[in-house]
Amino acid sequence: MEENGGARFTVDELAARADVARRTIFNHFASLDDVVVEVCEDVLGTVVDALGASAAEPGTDRTTPLDDLTAALRGTDLVGPMAYLTRALGGTATEPTPRVTTMVVRTFTHLAERLVAETTRRHPDVDPLEIEMLVAALMAGVLVIQRRWWAATGAADDDASRRTWDDLLDRLVTRTRTGHAATA
């Protein structure tokens, strides 16, 4: 994806680059989009790993799953990977195409499953359904603010873009913590 400037390549090009037969690609992936989603998951997977590593150790002052996830989200570089993936998926406009949106949602859904598992492991005293709902709400919110961030910054990776991301993330965390009833 980096060599071609994005997800614009054919199965034949991928097979040639990987030095495998075309059939080998389809033995592992149902479509080219599945290949792209896997790459996206790999890029953002390092972010999830960092989220786990930066999460509070049991017994610290971050006693709730929301505190843990919030600290991890704030302490992890999401802008760099998101900027890279936006470019890799062919994002030059301020709005993603339906194809790009589908791939981003699939990627974040898989990553949310990993976050649920990690958060459940870290907080065994919390009802797993509560953790699933919390992570789902946060990931849905991250998808929303990612679109806003993209529209506002063109998916740049610079100081202004990072300030925009931080502001959007602060709003998401505040709304998640306080709920939506007050704004309805």
N, C-alpha and C. Protein backbone atom coordinates (compact mmCIF):
# COMPACT_ATOMS: atom_id res chain seq x y z
N MET A 1 0.83 -1.18 0.00
CA MET A 1 0.00 0.00 0.00
C MET A 1 0.88 1.25 0.00
N GLU A 2 1.97 1.20 0.74
CA GLU A 2 2.85 2.35 0.79
C GLU A 2 3.50 2.60 -0.57
N GLU A 3 3.87 1.53 -1.26
CA GLU A 3 4.55 1.66 -2.55
C GLU A 3 3.62 2.23 -3.62
N ASN A 4 2.34 1.86 -3.56
CA ASN A 4 1.38 2.31 -4.58
C ASN A 4 0.66 3.59 -4.17
N GLY A 5 0.99 4.13 -3.02
CA GLY A 5 0.31 5.34 -2.58
C GLY A 5 -1.11 5.08 -2.13
N GLY A 6 -1.38 3.89 -1.67
CA GLY A 6 -2.72 3.60 -1.16
C GLY A 6 -3.17 2.21 -1.51
N ALA A 7 -4.48 2.01 -1.37
CA ALA A 7 -5.08 0.69 -1.56
C ALA A 7 -5.49 0.49 -3.01
N ARG A 8 -4.79 1.12 -3.91
CA ARG A 8 -5.11 1.01 -5.33
C ARG A 8 -4.11 0.05 -6.00
N PHE A 9 -4.39 -1.23 -5.87
CA PHE A 9 -3.55 -2.23 -6.50
C PHE A 9 -4.43 -3.42 -6.84
N THR A 10 -3.93 -4.25 -7.74
CA THR A 10 -4.68 -5.42 -8.16
C THR A 10 -4.15 -6.65 -7.43
N VAL A 11 -4.91 -7.72 -7.52
CA VAL A 11 -4.45 -8.98 -6.94
C VAL A 11 -3.17 -9.43 -7.62
N ASP A 12 -3.09 -9.24 -8.93
CA ASP A 12 -1.88 -9.63 -9.66
C ASP A 12 -0.66 -8.84 -9.16
N GLU A 13 -0.83 -7.54 -8.92
CA GLU A 13 0.27 -6.73 -8.40
C GLU A 13 0.67 -7.19 -7.00
N LEU A 14 -0.31 -7.48 -6.17
CA LEU A 14 -0.03 -7.94 -4.82
C LEU A 14 0.69 -9.28 -4.84
N ALA A 15 0.22 -10.19 -5.67
CA ALA A 15 0.85 -11.51 -5.77
C ALA A 15 2.29 -11.38 -6.26
N ALA A 16 2.51 -10.53 -7.26
CA ALA A 16 3.87 -10.34 -7.77
C ALA A 16 4.77 -9.74 -6.69
N ARG A 17 4.27 -8.75 -5.96
CA ARG A 17 5.06 -8.11 -4.91
C ARG A 17 5.39 -9.10 -3.78
N ALA A 18 4.43 -9.97 -3.46
CA ALA A 18 4.63 -10.95 -2.39
C ALA A 18 5.35 -12.20 -2.90
N ASP A 19 5.57 -12.26 -4.21
CA ASP A 19 6.22 -13.40 -4.84
C ASP A 19 5.48 -14.71 -4.54
N VAL A 20 4.16 -14.64 -4.73
CA VAL A 20 3.31 -15.82 -4.56
C VAL A 20 2.34 -15.87 -5.74
N ALA A 21 1.70 -17.01 -5.87
CA ALA A 21 0.69 -17.16 -6.92
C ALA A 21 -0.57 -16.39 -6.52
N ARG A 22 -1.29 -15.96 -7.51
CA ARG A 22 -2.56 -15.26 -7.29
C ARG A 22 -3.48 -16.09 -6.41
N ARG A 23 -3.51 -17.38 -6.65
CA ARG A 23 -4.38 -18.28 -5.88
C ARG A 23 -4.03 -18.23 -4.39
N THR A 24 -2.74 -18.07 -4.09
CA THR A 24 -2.31 -18.01 -2.69
C THR A 24 -2.97 -16.85 -1.95
N ILE A 25 -3.10 -15.72 -2.63
CA ILE A 25 -3.76 -14.56 -2.02
C ILE A 25 -5.18 -14.95 -1.61
N PHE A 26 -5.90 -15.60 -2.53
CA PHE A 26 -7.29 -15.94 -2.25
C PHE A 26 -7.44 -17.15 -1.33
N ASN A 27 -6.36 -17.88 -1.11
CA ASN A 27 -6.40 -18.93 -0.09
C ASN A 27 -6.45 -18.32 1.31
N HIS A 28 -5.95 -17.10 1.44
CA HIS A 28 -5.89 -16.44 2.74
C HIS A 28 -6.91 -15.33 2.91
N PHE A 29 -7.36 -14.74 1.81
CA PHE A 29 -8.27 -13.61 1.87
C PHE A 29 -9.39 -13.80 0.85
N ALA A 30 -10.60 -13.42 1.24
CA ALA A 30 -11.74 -13.56 0.33
C ALA A 30 -11.75 -12.48 -0.74
N SER A 31 -11.15 -11.33 -0.44
CA SER A 31 -11.16 -10.23 -1.40
C SER A 31 -9.96 -9.32 -1.13
N LEU A 32 -9.73 -8.40 -2.05
CA LEU A 32 -8.68 -7.40 -1.84
C LEU A 32 -9.01 -6.51 -0.65
N ASP A 33 -10.28 -6.21 -0.47
CA ASP A 33 -10.67 -5.40 0.69
C ASP A 33 -10.28 -6.09 1.99
N ASP A 34 -10.36 -7.41 2.03
CA ASP A 34 -9.94 -8.14 3.23
C ASP A 34 -8.44 -7.97 3.48
N VAL A 35 -7.66 -7.90 2.42
CA VAL A 35 -6.23 -7.65 2.55
C VAL A 35 -6.01 -6.27 3.16
N VAL A 36 -6.72 -5.28 2.64
CA VAL A 36 -6.57 -3.91 3.12
C VAL A 36 -7.00 -3.81 4.59
N VAL A 37 -8.11 -4.44 4.94
CA VAL A 37 -8.56 -4.42 6.34
C VAL A 37 -7.51 -5.06 7.25
N GLU A 38 -6.91 -6.14 6.79
CA GLU A 38 -5.86 -6.79 7.59
C GLU A 38 -4.68 -5.85 7.82
N VAL A 39 -4.29 -5.13 6.78
CA VAL A 39 -3.20 -4.16 6.93
C VAL A 39 -3.60 -3.07 7.91
N CYS A 40 -4.83 -2.58 7.78
CA CYS A 40 -5.31 -1.55 8.71
C CYS A 40 -5.31 -2.06 10.14
N GLU A 41 -5.75 -3.29 10.32
CA GLU A 41 -5.75 -3.88 11.66
C GLU A 41 -4.33 -4.00 12.20
N ASP A 42 -3.39 -4.34 11.33
CA ASP A 42 -1.99 -4.42 11.77
C ASP A 42 -1.48 -3.06 12.23
N VAL A 43 -1.79 -2.02 11.45
CA VAL A 43 -1.33 -0.67 11.81
C VAL A 43 -1.98 -0.23 13.11
N LEU A 44 -3.31 -0.35 13.20
CA LEU A 44 -4.00 0.06 14.42
C LEU A 44 -3.82 -0.94 15.55
N GLY A 45 -3.45 -2.18 15.21
CA GLY A 45 -3.19 -3.18 16.24
C GLY A 45 -2.05 -2.76 17.14
N THR A 46 -1.07 -2.09 16.58
CA THR A 46 0.02 -1.58 17.42
C THR A 46 -0.52 -0.53 18.38
N VAL A 47 -1.54 0.20 17.95
CA VAL A 47 -2.16 1.18 18.83
C VAL A 47 -2.88 0.46 19.97
N VAL A 48 -3.60 -0.62 19.66
CA VAL A 48 -4.29 -1.38 20.70
C VAL A 48 -3.27 -1.97 21.67
N ASP A 49 -2.15 -2.46 21.14
CA ASP A 49 -1.09 -2.96 22.02
C ASP A 49 -0.60 -1.85 22.95
N ALA A 50 -0.44 -0.66 22.38
CA ALA A 50 0.00 0.47 23.19
C ALA A 50 -1.07 0.85 24.21
N LEU A 51 -2.34 0.73 23.82
CA LEU A 51 -3.42 1.00 24.77
C LEU A 51 -3.32 0.06 25.96
N GLY A 52 -3.09 -1.21 25.70
CA GLY A 52 -2.94 -2.17 26.78
C GLY A 52 -1.73 -1.87 27.64
N ALA A 53 -0.63 -1.49 27.00
CA ALA A 53 0.60 -1.21 27.73
C ALA A 53 0.49 0.06 28.56
N SER A 54 -0.28 1.05 28.07
CA SER A 54 -0.37 2.31 28.79
C SER A 54 -1.50 2.32 29.80
N ALA A 55 -2.32 1.30 29.79
CA ALA A 55 -3.42 1.25 30.75
C ALA A 55 -2.89 1.13 32.17
N ALA A 56 -3.67 1.62 33.08
CA ALA A 56 -3.25 1.61 34.49
C ALA A 56 -3.11 0.19 34.99
N GLU A 57 -2.13 -0.01 35.85
CA GLU A 57 -1.97 -1.30 36.51
C GLU A 57 -3.07 -1.43 37.55
N PRO A 58 -3.53 -2.65 37.79
CA PRO A 58 -4.54 -2.83 38.83
C PRO A 58 -4.06 -2.23 40.16
N GLY A 59 -5.01 -1.59 40.86
CA GLY A 59 -4.68 -1.01 42.14
C GLY A 59 -4.27 0.46 42.08
N THR A 60 -4.23 1.05 40.88
CA THR A 60 -3.90 2.47 40.78
C THR A 60 -5.17 3.29 40.96
N ASP A 61 -5.04 4.61 40.79
CA ASP A 61 -6.20 5.47 41.00
C ASP A 61 -7.19 5.43 39.84
N ARG A 62 -6.86 4.77 38.76
CA ARG A 62 -7.81 4.62 37.64
C ARG A 62 -8.60 3.34 37.89
N THR A 63 -9.66 3.47 38.64
CA THR A 63 -10.36 2.29 39.13
C THR A 63 -11.47 1.80 38.21
N THR A 64 -11.92 2.63 37.28
CA THR A 64 -13.02 2.19 36.42
C THR A 64 -12.50 1.88 35.02
N PRO A 65 -13.22 1.05 34.29
CA PRO A 65 -12.83 0.81 32.90
C PRO A 65 -12.78 2.10 32.07
N LEU A 66 -13.70 3.03 32.31
CA LEU A 66 -13.67 4.29 31.57
C LEU A 66 -12.41 5.07 31.88
N ASP A 67 -12.02 5.13 33.14
CA ASP A 67 -10.77 5.82 33.49
C ASP A 67 -9.57 5.18 32.80
N ASP A 68 -9.55 3.86 32.81
CA ASP A 68 -8.47 3.10 32.18
C ASP A 68 -8.42 3.38 30.67
N LEU A 69 -9.57 3.24 30.02
CA LEU A 69 -9.62 3.43 28.56
C LEU A 69 -9.33 4.88 28.18
N THR A 70 -9.83 5.82 28.98
CA THR A 70 -9.59 7.23 28.70
C THR A 70 -8.10 7.55 28.79
N ALA A 71 -7.46 7.09 29.84
CA ALA A 71 -6.03 7.33 29.99
C ALA A 71 -5.25 6.70 28.84
N ALA A 72 -5.67 5.53 28.43
CA ALA A 72 -4.98 4.87 27.33
C ALA A 72 -5.20 5.61 26.01
N LEU A 73 -6.43 6.03 25.75
CA LEU A 73 -6.70 6.77 24.51
C LEU A 73 -5.92 8.09 24.47
N ARG A 74 -5.87 8.76 25.58
CA ARG A 74 -5.14 10.03 25.63
C ARG A 74 -3.63 9.84 25.57
N GLY A 75 -3.17 8.68 26.01
CA GLY A 75 -1.73 8.44 26.06
C GLY A 75 -1.18 7.71 24.85
N THR A 76 -2.01 7.49 23.85
CA THR A 76 -1.60 6.74 22.68
C THR A 76 -1.65 7.64 21.44
N ASP A 77 -0.66 7.54 20.59
CA ASP A 77 -0.65 8.31 19.35
C ASP A 77 -1.61 7.67 18.36
N LEU A 78 -2.78 8.25 18.20
CA LEU A 78 -3.72 7.78 17.20
C LEU A 78 -3.63 8.58 15.91
N VAL A 79 -3.16 9.82 16.00
CA VAL A 79 -3.12 10.69 14.82
C VAL A 79 -2.19 10.13 13.75
N GLY A 80 -0.99 9.72 14.12
CA GLY A 80 -0.04 9.20 13.13
C GLY A 80 -0.60 8.01 12.37
N PRO A 81 -1.07 6.97 13.07
CA PRO A 81 -1.64 5.82 12.35
C PRO A 81 -2.89 6.18 11.53
N MET A 82 -3.74 7.06 12.07
CA MET A 82 -4.95 7.44 11.32
C MET A 82 -4.59 8.22 10.07
N ALA A 83 -3.60 9.10 10.17
CA ALA A 83 -3.17 9.86 9.00
C ALA A 83 -2.61 8.92 7.93
N TYR A 84 -1.78 7.97 8.37
CA TYR A 84 -1.21 7.00 7.44
C TYR A 84 -2.32 6.19 6.76
N LEU A 85 -3.23 5.67 7.55
CA LEU A 85 -4.30 4.83 6.98
C LEU A 85 -5.21 5.63 6.05
N THR A 86 -5.47 6.87 6.39
CA THR A 86 -6.30 7.71 5.53
C THR A 86 -5.64 7.86 4.16
N ARG A 87 -4.34 8.12 4.17
CA ARG A 87 -3.61 8.23 2.89
C ARG A 87 -3.58 6.88 2.18
N ALA A 88 -3.32 5.82 2.94
CA ALA A 88 -3.20 4.48 2.35
C ALA A 88 -4.52 4.03 1.73
N LEU A 89 -5.62 4.44 2.32
CA LEU A 89 -6.93 4.06 1.78
C LEU A 89 -7.37 4.98 0.65
N GLY A 90 -6.50 5.90 0.29
CA GLY A 90 -6.81 6.77 -0.84
C GLY A 90 -7.57 8.01 -0.44
N GLY A 91 -7.49 8.37 0.82
CA GLY A 91 -8.24 9.52 1.31
C GLY A 91 -7.56 10.83 0.99
N THR A 92 -8.02 11.48 -0.04
CA THR A 92 -7.50 12.81 -0.36
C THR A 92 -8.60 13.85 -0.19
N ALA A 93 -9.83 13.42 -0.21
CA ALA A 93 -10.95 14.33 0.00
C ALA A 93 -11.17 14.49 1.50
N THR A 94 -12.11 15.33 1.87
CA THR A 94 -12.39 15.52 3.29
C THR A 94 -13.45 14.56 3.80
N GLU A 95 -14.00 13.76 2.94
CA GLU A 95 -14.99 12.76 3.34
C GLU A 95 -14.60 11.41 2.76
N PRO A 96 -14.70 10.35 3.55
CA PRO A 96 -14.36 9.02 3.04
C PRO A 96 -15.42 8.51 2.07
N THR A 97 -14.97 7.67 1.15
CA THR A 97 -15.90 7.01 0.25
C THR A 97 -16.63 5.91 1.02
N PRO A 98 -17.75 5.41 0.50
CA PRO A 98 -18.42 4.29 1.19
C PRO A 98 -17.51 3.08 1.37
N ARG A 99 -16.66 2.79 0.41
CA ARG A 99 -15.73 1.66 0.53
C ARG A 99 -14.76 1.88 1.68
N VAL A 100 -14.21 3.07 1.77
CA VAL A 100 -13.27 3.39 2.84
C VAL A 100 -14.00 3.31 4.19
N THR A 101 -15.19 3.87 4.26
CA THR A 101 -15.97 3.82 5.50
C THR A 101 -16.18 2.38 5.94
N THR A 102 -16.53 1.52 5.02
CA THR A 102 -16.76 0.11 5.34
C THR A 102 -15.50 -0.53 5.90
N MET A 103 -14.37 -0.27 5.27
CA MET A 103 -13.11 -0.86 5.75
C MET A 103 -12.72 -0.31 7.12
N VAL A 104 -12.93 0.98 7.35
CA VAL A 104 -12.60 1.57 8.65
C VAL A 104 -13.50 0.98 9.73
N VAL A 105 -14.79 0.85 9.45
CA VAL A 105 -15.72 0.27 10.43
C VAL A 105 -15.33 -1.17 10.74
N ARG A 106 -15.02 -1.95 9.72
CA ARG A 106 -14.60 -3.34 9.95
C ARG A 106 -13.35 -3.40 10.82
N THR A 107 -12.40 -2.54 10.53
CA THR A 107 -11.16 -2.50 11.30
C THR A 107 -11.43 -2.15 12.76
N PHE A 108 -12.21 -1.09 12.98
CA PHE A 108 -12.49 -0.67 14.35
C PHE A 108 -13.34 -1.70 15.09
N THR A 109 -14.19 -2.42 14.40
CA THR A 109 -14.98 -3.47 15.04
C THR A 109 -14.08 -4.58 15.56
N HIS A 110 -13.13 -5.01 14.74
CA HIS A 110 -12.20 -6.04 15.19
C HIS A 110 -11.33 -5.55 16.34
N LEU A 111 -10.91 -4.31 16.26
CA LEU A 111 -10.08 -3.77 17.33
C LEU A 111 -10.87 -3.58 18.62
N ALA A 112 -12.15 -3.24 18.51
CA ALA A 112 -13.00 -3.12 19.70
C ALA A 112 -13.11 -4.46 20.42
N GLU A 113 -13.18 -5.54 19.66
CA GLU A 113 -13.23 -6.86 20.28
C GLU A 113 -11.99 -7.11 21.13
N ARG A 114 -10.84 -6.69 20.62
CA ARG A 114 -9.60 -6.84 21.39
C ARG A 114 -9.60 -5.96 22.63
N LEU A 115 -10.14 -4.74 22.51
CA LEU A 115 -10.21 -3.85 23.66
C LEU A 115 -11.15 -4.40 24.73
N VAL A 116 -12.26 -4.98 24.30
CA VAL A 116 -13.20 -5.59 25.26
C VAL A 116 -12.48 -6.69 26.03
N ALA A 117 -11.77 -7.54 25.32
CA ALA A 117 -11.06 -8.64 25.99
C ALA A 117 -10.04 -8.12 26.98
N GLU A 118 -9.26 -7.12 26.59
CA GLU A 118 -8.24 -6.56 27.47
C GLU A 118 -8.87 -5.87 28.68
N THR A 119 -9.92 -5.11 28.44
CA THR A 119 -10.57 -4.39 29.54
C THR A 119 -11.26 -5.35 30.49
N THR A 120 -11.87 -6.39 29.96
CA THR A 120 -12.51 -7.40 30.80
C THR A 120 -11.47 -8.12 31.66
N ARG A 121 -10.33 -8.39 31.07
CA ARG A 121 -9.25 -9.03 31.83
C ARG A 121 -8.78 -8.13 32.96
N ARG A 122 -8.68 -6.85 32.66
CA ARG A 122 -8.17 -5.90 33.65
C ARG A 122 -9.18 -5.57 34.74
N HIS A 123 -10.46 -5.74 34.43
CA HIS A 123 -11.53 -5.39 35.38
C HIS A 123 -12.49 -6.56 35.54
N PRO A 124 -12.03 -7.65 36.13
CA PRO A 124 -12.86 -8.85 36.24
C PRO A 124 -14.08 -8.68 37.14
N ASP A 125 -14.08 -7.64 37.97
CA ASP A 125 -15.21 -7.38 38.86
C ASP A 125 -16.35 -6.63 38.18
N VAL A 126 -16.15 -6.16 36.94
CA VAL A 126 -17.17 -5.40 36.22
C VAL A 126 -17.91 -6.34 35.28
N ASP A 127 -19.23 -6.19 35.23
CA ASP A 127 -20.07 -6.99 34.34
C ASP A 127 -19.55 -6.86 32.90
N PRO A 128 -19.24 -7.97 32.25
CA PRO A 128 -18.73 -7.91 30.88
C PRO A 128 -19.64 -7.16 29.90
N LEU A 129 -20.96 -7.22 30.13
CA LEU A 129 -21.87 -6.46 29.27
C LEU A 129 -21.61 -4.96 29.40
N GLU A 130 -21.35 -4.50 30.60
CA GLU A 130 -21.05 -3.07 30.81
C GLU A 130 -19.78 -2.68 30.06
N ILE A 131 -18.79 -3.54 30.09
CA ILE A 131 -17.54 -3.26 29.37
C ILE A 131 -17.79 -3.26 27.86
N GLU A 132 -18.54 -4.22 27.36
CA GLU A 132 -18.85 -4.25 25.93
C GLU A 132 -19.56 -2.97 25.49
N MET A 133 -20.55 -2.54 26.29
CA MET A 133 -21.28 -1.32 25.92
C MET A 133 -20.38 -0.09 25.97
N LEU A 134 -19.51 -0.03 26.98
CA LEU A 134 -18.59 1.10 27.10
C LEU A 134 -17.64 1.16 25.92
N VAL A 135 -17.01 0.04 25.60
CA VAL A 135 -16.06 0.01 24.48
C VAL A 135 -16.78 0.31 23.17
N ALA A 136 -17.98 -0.26 22.99
CA ALA A 136 -18.74 0.02 21.77
C ALA A 136 -19.06 1.51 21.65
N ALA A 137 -19.46 2.13 22.74
CA ALA A 137 -19.77 3.56 22.71
C ALA A 137 -18.52 4.37 22.39
N LEU A 138 -17.42 4.03 23.02
CA LEU A 138 -16.18 4.76 22.75
C LEU A 138 -15.71 4.56 21.31
N MET A 139 -15.75 3.34 20.81
CA MET A 139 -15.29 3.09 19.45
C MET A 139 -16.21 3.76 18.42
N ALA A 140 -17.51 3.74 18.68
CA ALA A 140 -18.43 4.47 17.79
C ALA A 140 -18.11 5.96 17.82
N GLY A 141 -17.84 6.45 19.02
CA GLY A 141 -17.45 7.85 19.13
C GLY A 141 -16.14 8.16 18.44
N VAL A 142 -15.18 7.26 18.54
CA VAL A 142 -13.90 7.45 17.85
C VAL A 142 -14.13 7.50 16.34
N LEU A 143 -15.01 6.66 15.83
CA LEU A 143 -15.32 6.70 14.40
C LEU A 143 -15.91 8.06 14.00
N VAL A 144 -16.79 8.58 14.85
CA VAL A 144 -17.41 9.88 14.56
C VAL A 144 -16.36 10.99 14.60
N ILE A 145 -15.54 11.00 15.64
CA ILE A 145 -14.57 12.09 15.72
C ILE A 145 -13.45 11.92 14.70
N GLN A 146 -13.19 10.68 14.27
CA GLN A 146 -12.21 10.48 13.20
C GLN A 146 -12.68 11.15 11.92
N ARG A 147 -13.97 11.02 11.61
CA ARG A 147 -14.51 11.69 10.42
C ARG A 147 -14.43 13.21 10.55
N ARG A 148 -14.76 13.72 11.73
CA ARG A 148 -14.67 15.17 11.97
C ARG A 148 -13.22 15.65 11.88
N TRP A 149 -12.32 14.87 12.46
CA TRP A 149 -10.90 15.21 12.41
C TRP A 149 -10.42 15.24 10.96
N TRP A 150 -10.80 14.22 10.17
CA TRP A 150 -10.42 14.15 8.77
C TRP A 150 -10.93 15.37 8.03
N ALA A 151 -12.21 15.70 8.23
CA ALA A 151 -12.80 16.85 7.53
C ALA A 151 -12.11 18.16 7.92
N ALA A 152 -11.74 18.28 9.19
CA ALA A 152 -11.14 19.53 9.66
C ALA A 152 -9.67 19.67 9.31
N THR A 153 -8.97 18.55 9.18
CA THR A 153 -7.51 18.62 9.04
C THR A 153 -6.99 18.03 7.73
N GLY A 154 -7.84 17.37 6.97
CA GLY A 154 -7.36 16.68 5.79
C GLY A 154 -6.48 15.49 6.13
N ALA A 155 -6.62 15.00 7.35
CA ALA A 155 -5.85 13.85 7.86
C ALA A 155 -4.36 14.14 7.91
N ALA A 156 -4.03 15.39 8.20
CA ALA A 156 -2.62 15.77 8.35
C ALA A 156 -2.08 15.25 9.67
N ASP A 157 -0.79 15.08 9.72
CA ASP A 157 -0.12 14.68 10.95
C ASP A 157 0.81 15.82 11.34
N ASP A 158 0.24 16.84 11.98
CA ASP A 158 1.01 17.99 12.43
C ASP A 158 0.45 18.48 13.77
N ASP A 159 1.04 19.51 14.31
CA ASP A 159 0.63 20.00 15.63
C ASP A 159 -0.83 20.46 15.65
N ALA A 160 -1.25 21.17 14.62
CA ALA A 160 -2.63 21.65 14.57
C ALA A 160 -3.61 20.48 14.50
N SER A 161 -3.28 19.48 13.72
CA SER A 161 -4.13 18.30 13.60
C SER A 161 -4.22 17.55 14.93
N ARG A 162 -3.10 17.48 15.62
CA ARG A 162 -3.08 16.80 16.93
C ARG A 162 -3.91 17.58 17.96
N ARG A 163 -3.86 18.91 17.92
CA ARG A 163 -4.70 19.71 18.82
C ARG A 163 -6.18 19.47 18.51
N THR A 164 -6.51 19.41 17.23
CA THR A 164 -7.89 19.14 16.83
C THR A 164 -8.32 17.78 17.35
N TRP A 165 -7.47 16.76 17.18
CA TRP A 165 -7.80 15.42 17.68
C TRP A 165 -7.99 15.44 19.20
N ASP A 166 -7.08 16.08 19.91
CA ASP A 166 -7.18 16.14 21.37
C ASP A 166 -8.49 16.80 21.81
N ASP A 167 -8.87 17.88 21.14
CA ASP A 167 -10.12 18.57 21.47
C ASP A 167 -11.33 17.66 21.22
N LEU A 168 -11.33 16.98 20.09
CA LEU A 168 -12.44 16.07 19.78
C LEU A 168 -12.48 14.90 20.76
N LEU A 169 -11.32 14.36 21.10
CA LEU A 169 -11.27 13.26 22.05
C LEU A 169 -11.75 13.71 23.44
N ASP A 170 -11.38 14.92 23.84
CA ASP A 170 -11.87 15.45 25.12
C ASP A 170 -13.39 15.53 25.12
N ARG A 171 -13.97 16.00 24.03
CA ARG A 171 -15.43 16.08 23.95
C ARG A 171 -16.06 14.70 24.03
N LEU A 172 -15.47 13.73 23.34
CA LEU A 172 -16.00 12.36 23.38
C LEU A 172 -15.95 11.81 24.81
N VAL A 173 -14.83 11.96 25.47
CA VAL A 173 -14.68 11.41 26.82
C VAL A 173 -15.65 12.11 27.78
N THR A 174 -15.76 13.42 27.66
CA THR A 174 -16.68 14.15 28.53
C THR A 174 -18.11 13.69 28.32
N ARG A 175 -18.51 13.54 27.07
CA ARG A 175 -19.88 13.12 26.78
C ARG A 175 -20.10 11.68 27.24
N THR A 176 -19.11 10.84 27.09
CA THR A 176 -19.25 9.45 27.55
C THR A 176 -19.37 9.42 29.06
N ARG A 177 -18.61 10.25 29.73
CA ARG A 177 -18.63 10.27 31.20
C ARG A 177 -19.92 10.87 31.74
N THR A 178 -20.43 11.93 31.11
CA THR A 178 -21.59 12.63 31.65
C THR A 178 -22.91 12.18 31.05
N GLY A 179 -22.86 11.49 29.91
CA GLY A 179 -24.09 11.04 29.28
C GLY A 179 -24.68 12.06 28.34
N HIS A 180 -25.77 11.70 27.72
CA HIS A 180 -26.40 12.55 26.71
C HIS A 180 -27.71 13.16 27.18
N ALA A 181 -28.23 12.76 28.31
CA ALA A 181 -29.51 13.27 28.78
C ALA A 181 -29.48 14.78 28.97
N ALA A 182 -28.36 15.30 29.43
CA ALA A 182 -28.26 16.74 29.69
C ALA A 182 -28.33 17.57 28.42
N THR A 183 -27.99 17.00 27.28
CA THR A 183 -27.99 17.77 26.03
C THR A 183 -29.25 17.56 25.22
N ALA A 184 -30.08 16.62 25.61
CA ALA A 184 -31.29 16.30 24.83
C ALA A 184 -32.39 17.30 25.08
